[in-house]
Every structure is written in C-alpha cells, then in structure tokens.
Amino acid sequence: MDMEYKTRETKRRKITELVMWPHDKPMWPHGNFKSENMVAAMRNLPDYMSMSSLNDHIDPNLMDLYPHDCLFKTAMLAKQCVDEDPILRPDMKQVVISLSQILLSSIEWEATLAGTAKSSVA
C-alpha cells in the first residue's frame, strides 16, 4: 500500500471513531461528557457560527490538516439533525447525500494537498 492511501485510511478511521464514540457507549457520563449534553450543545450552536469560531473547538493535534469547509458543513448538518422541530430535521436520504458531498469535497481537498506536495518537490 502506498503512503497516501495509509494516511487517508488513518484519517477516515479517526473520524469514524470520533463520530461513533458516543454511540458505542452506555448513556451515562463519560467524564464530563453525556450524549444528551452533546445534543444540547449542537442545538445551541448559533446559525451564524463562523468557521473560525468552530475551529476553536477542534483538537489541536490535527494541526490544521483537515478541510475546514467540510468540518463546518458537517457541524451544520449535525445541528440540523438534532433540531427540536422534527419537521426541520433532514431525513436519512438527505443526510447521506450531504455526507457524500462532504466526503467528495474532502477527497478533492486531499488530492489538492497531494498535488501541492508533488509540485513543491519538483
């Protein structure tokens, strides 16, 4: 396997772990974390939240090595999914379409990175 593939798979695995973590645990506190607190936090995100303010909550170990627009779109989708009004929540078809578009954007971002790395070496 080439290094780019391994790196991409590692990133995807980490993202999957982050998303699945609250779902594979019982519904009781994990330190200062409860699944219902996460839902409340998402509901309280302002509609006008900027990407820069969202970046303040991202693990610094990621060192800015992720597509910011994809993060923002994913956060806004998550906010829609926990809307108090069920009518305003996207159905699963809409969620899958949105996540697929976000994934494609992420793949394009990675390809751009790979192209930048190759051109800087040449």
C-alpha atoms as a PDB file:
ATOM      1  CA  MET A   1       0.000   0.000   0.000  1.00  0.00           C
ATOM      2  CA  ASP A   2       1.250   3.465  -0.766  1.00  0.00           C
ATOM      3  CA  MET A   3       1.725   6.018   1.989  1.00  0.00           C
ATOM      4  CA  GLU A   4      -1.035   8.349   0.743  1.00  0.00           C
ATOM      5  CA  TYR A   5      -3.592   5.524   0.981  1.00  0.00           C
ATOM      6  CA  LYS A   6      -2.467   4.625   4.509  1.00  0.00           C
ATOM      7  CA  THR A   7      -2.676   8.273   5.595  1.00  0.00           C
ATOM      8  CA  ARG A   8      -6.160   8.672   4.106  1.00  0.00           C
ATOM      9  CA  GLU A   9      -7.375   5.467   5.759  1.00  0.00           C
ATOM     10  CA  THR A  10      -5.931   6.530   9.122  1.00  0.00           C
ATOM     11  CA  LYS A  11      -7.755   9.872   8.907  1.00  0.00           C
ATOM     12  CA  ARG A  12     -11.025   8.181   7.969  1.00  0.00           C
ATOM     13  CA  ARG A  13     -10.650   5.714  10.845  1.00  0.00           C
ATOM     14  CA  LYS A  14     -10.066   8.557  13.323  1.00  0.00           C
ATOM     15  CA  ILE A  15     -13.097  10.483  12.050  1.00  0.00           C
ATOM     16  CA  THR A  16     -15.228   7.345  12.300  1.00  0.00           C
ATOM     17  CA  GLU A  17     -14.036   6.761  15.875  1.00  0.00           C
ATOM     18  CA  LEU A  18     -14.929  10.346  16.810  1.00  0.00           C
ATOM     19  CA  VAL A  19     -18.404  10.033  15.332  1.00  0.00           C
ATOM     20  CA  MET A  20     -19.099   6.563  16.721  1.00  0.00           C
ATOM     21  CA  TRP A  21     -17.646   7.109  20.197  1.00  0.00           C
ATOM     22  CA  PRO A  22     -20.824   8.429  21.849  1.00  0.00           C
ATOM     23  CA  HIS A  23     -22.910   5.724  20.172  1.00  0.00           C
ATOM     24  CA  ASP A  24     -20.958   2.697  21.273  1.00  0.00           C
ATOM     25  CA  LYS A  25     -21.020   3.639  24.951  1.00  0.00           C
ATOM     26  CA  PRO A  26     -23.820   3.405  27.519  1.00  0.00           C
ATOM     27  CA  MET A  27     -25.817   6.578  28.140  1.00  0.00           C
ATOM     28  CA  TRP A  28     -24.086   7.685  31.322  1.00  0.00           C
ATOM     29  CA  PRO A  29     -21.409  10.285  31.911  1.00  0.00           C
ATOM     30  CA  HIS A  30     -18.014   9.778  30.297  1.00  0.00           C
ATOM     31  CA  GLY A  31     -16.012  12.188  32.419  1.00  0.00           C
ATOM     32  CA  ASN A  32     -17.724  15.500  31.751  1.00  0.00           C
ATOM     33  CA  PHE A  33     -19.468  14.142  28.671  1.00  0.00           C
ATOM     34  CA  LYS A  34     -23.002  12.872  28.223  1.00  0.00           C
ATOM     35  CA  SER A  35     -24.583  12.175  24.851  1.00  0.00           C
ATOM     36  CA  GLU A  36     -27.515  14.400  25.748  1.00  0.00           C
ATOM     37  CA  ASN A  37     -25.083  17.234  26.552  1.00  0.00           C
ATOM     38  CA  MET A  38     -23.644  16.868  23.075  1.00  0.00           C
ATOM     39  CA  VAL A  39     -27.131  17.186  21.563  1.00  0.00           C
ATOM     40  CA  ALA A  40     -27.822  20.254  23.708  1.00  0.00           C
ATOM     41  CA  ALA A  41     -24.515  21.794  22.659  1.00  0.00           C
ATOM     42  CA  MET A  42     -25.302  21.222  18.973  1.00  0.00           C
ATOM     43  CA  ARG A  43     -28.763  22.739  19.371  1.00  0.00           C
ATOM     44  CA  ASN A  44     -27.253  25.813  20.991  1.00  0.00           C
ATOM     45  CA  LEU A  45     -24.797  26.470  18.177  1.00  0.00           C
ATOM     46  CA  PRO A  46     -25.773  29.769  16.618  1.00  0.00           C
ATOM     47  CA  ASP A  47     -26.886  29.623  12.993  1.00  0.00           C
ATOM     48  CA  TYR A  48     -24.337  32.301  12.224  1.00  0.00           C
ATOM     49  CA  MET A  49     -21.383  30.442  13.748  1.00  0.00           C
ATOM     50  CA  SER A  50     -18.248  31.114  11.747  1.00  0.00           C
ATOM     51  CA  MET A  51     -15.674  28.575  10.679  1.00  0.00           C
ATOM     52  CA  SER A  52     -13.046  30.324  12.786  1.00  0.00           C
ATOM     53  CA  SER A  53     -15.115  30.015  15.968  1.00  0.00           C
ATOM     54  CA  LEU A  54     -15.799  26.356  15.182  1.00  0.00           C
ATOM     55  CA  ASN A  55     -12.064  25.757  14.712  1.00  0.00           C
ATOM     56  CA  ASP A  56     -11.527  26.861  18.319  1.00  0.00           C
ATOM     57  CA  HIS A  57     -13.169  23.582  19.401  1.00  0.00           C
ATOM     58  CA  ILE A  58     -11.087  21.261  17.226  1.00  0.00           C
ATOM     59  CA  ASP A  59      -8.386  19.010  18.609  1.00  0.00           C
ATOM     60  CA  PRO A  60      -5.102  20.912  18.163  1.00  0.00           C
ATOM     61  CA  ASN A  61      -3.361  17.606  17.386  1.00  0.00           C
ATOM     62  CA  LEU A  62      -5.000  17.766  13.965  1.00  0.00           C
ATOM     63  CA  MET A  63      -2.669  20.721  13.306  1.00  0.00           C
ATOM     64  CA  ASP A  64      -4.977  22.313  10.760  1.00  0.00           C
ATOM     65  CA  LEU A  65      -4.621  19.263   8.484  1.00  0.00           C
ATOM     66  CA  TYR A  66      -8.273  18.945   7.561  1.00  0.00           C
ATOM     67  CA  PRO A  67     -10.626  20.726   5.157  1.00  0.00           C
ATOM     68  CA  HIS A  68     -12.239  23.495   7.186  1.00  0.00           C
ATOM     69  CA  ASP A  69     -15.272  23.817   4.921  1.00  0.00           C
ATOM     70  CA  CYS A  70     -16.022  20.098   5.367  1.00  0.00           C
ATOM     71  CA  LEU A  71     -15.831  20.469   9.135  1.00  0.00           C
ATOM     72  CA  PHE A  72     -18.202  23.432   9.016  1.00  0.00           C
ATOM     73  CA  LYS A  73     -20.701  21.655   6.735  1.00  0.00           C
ATOM     74  CA  THR A  74     -20.616  18.553   8.954  1.00  0.00           C
ATOM     75  CA  ALA A  75     -21.233  20.628  12.087  1.00  0.00           C
ATOM     76  CA  MET A  76     -24.161  22.431  10.466  1.00  0.00           C
ATOM     77  CA  LEU A  77     -25.605  19.102   9.297  1.00  0.00           C
ATOM     78  CA  ALA A  78     -25.276  17.732  12.844  1.00  0.00           C
ATOM     79  CA  LYS A  79     -27.069  20.825  14.134  1.00  0.00           C
ATOM     80  CA  GLN A  80     -29.931  20.216  11.695  1.00  0.00           C
ATOM     81  CA  CYS A  81     -30.142  16.559  12.756  1.00  0.00           C
ATOM     82  CA  VAL A  82     -30.835  17.473  16.389  1.00  0.00           C
ATOM     83  CA  ASP A  83     -33.277  20.317  15.714  1.00  0.00           C
ATOM     84  CA  GLU A  84     -36.070  20.371  18.282  1.00  0.00           C
ATOM     85  CA  ASP A  85     -38.643  20.506  15.484  1.00  0.00           C
ATOM     86  CA  PRO A  86     -38.638  17.067  13.820  1.00  0.00           C
ATOM     87  CA  ILE A  87     -40.011  18.569  10.608  1.00  0.00           C
ATOM     88  CA  LEU A  88     -36.840  20.658  10.254  1.00  0.00           C
ATOM     89  CA  ARG A  89     -34.549  17.643  10.670  1.00  0.00           C
ATOM     90  CA  PRO A  90     -33.191  16.148   7.447  1.00  0.00           C
ATOM     91  CA  ASP A  91     -34.292  12.634   6.598  1.00  0.00           C
ATOM     92  CA  MET A  92     -31.648   9.932   6.188  1.00  0.00           C
ATOM     93  CA  LYS A  93     -31.628  10.297   2.406  1.00  0.00           C
ATOM     94  CA  GLN A  94     -30.742  13.983   2.782  1.00  0.00           C
ATOM     95  CA  VAL A  95     -28.101  13.150   5.413  1.00  0.00           C
ATOM     96  CA  VAL A  96     -26.486  10.534   3.157  1.00  0.00           C
ATOM     97  CA  ILE A  97     -26.461  12.932   0.194  1.00  0.00           C
ATOM     98  CA  SER A  98     -24.954  15.717   2.314  1.00  0.00           C
ATOM     99  CA  LEU A  99     -22.312  13.431   3.831  1.00  0.00           C
ATOM    100  CA  SER A 100     -21.462  12.066   0.375  1.00  0.00           C
ATOM    101  CA  GLN A 101     -20.941  15.601  -0.923  1.00  0.00           C
ATOM    102  CA  ILE A 102     -18.794  16.436   2.113  1.00  0.00           C
ATOM    103  CA  LEU A 103     -16.743  13.269   1.540  1.00  0.00           C
ATOM    104  CA  LEU A 104     -16.182  14.177  -2.124  1.00  0.00           C
ATOM    105  CA  SER A 105     -15.047  17.653  -1.093  1.00  0.00           C
ATOM    106  CA  SER A 106     -12.686  16.088   1.426  1.00  0.00           C
ATOM    107  CA  ILE A 107     -11.227  13.746  -1.201  1.00  0.00           C
ATOM    108  CA  GLU A 108     -10.738  16.691  -3.573  1.00  0.00           C
ATOM    109  CA  TRP A 109      -9.008  18.589  -0.765  1.00  0.00           C
ATOM    110  CA  GLU A 110      -6.666  15.643  -0.162  1.00  0.00           C
ATOM    111  CA  ALA A 111      -5.898  15.423  -3.885  1.00  0.00           C
ATOM    112  CA  THR A 112      -5.040  19.123  -3.893  1.00  0.00           C
ATOM    113  CA  LEU A 113      -2.703  18.541  -0.960  1.00  0.00           C
ATOM    114  CA  ALA A 114      -1.008  15.670  -2.758  1.00  0.00           C
ATOM    115  CA  GLY A 115      -0.616  17.833  -5.872  1.00  0.00           C
ATOM    116  CA  THR A 116       0.874  20.657  -3.811  1.00  0.00           C
ATOM    117  CA  ALA A 117       3.330  18.274  -2.162  1.00  0.00           C
ATOM    118  CA  LYS A 118       4.407  16.848  -5.532  1.00  0.00           C
ATOM    119  CA  SER A 119       4.846  20.288  -7.115  1.00  0.00           C
ATOM    120  CA  SER A 120       6.906  21.573  -4.173  1.00  0.00           C
ATOM    121  CA  VAL A 121       9.262  18.600  -4.503  1.00  0.00           C
ATOM    122  CA  ALA A 122       9.773  19.109  -8.249  1.00  0.00           C
END
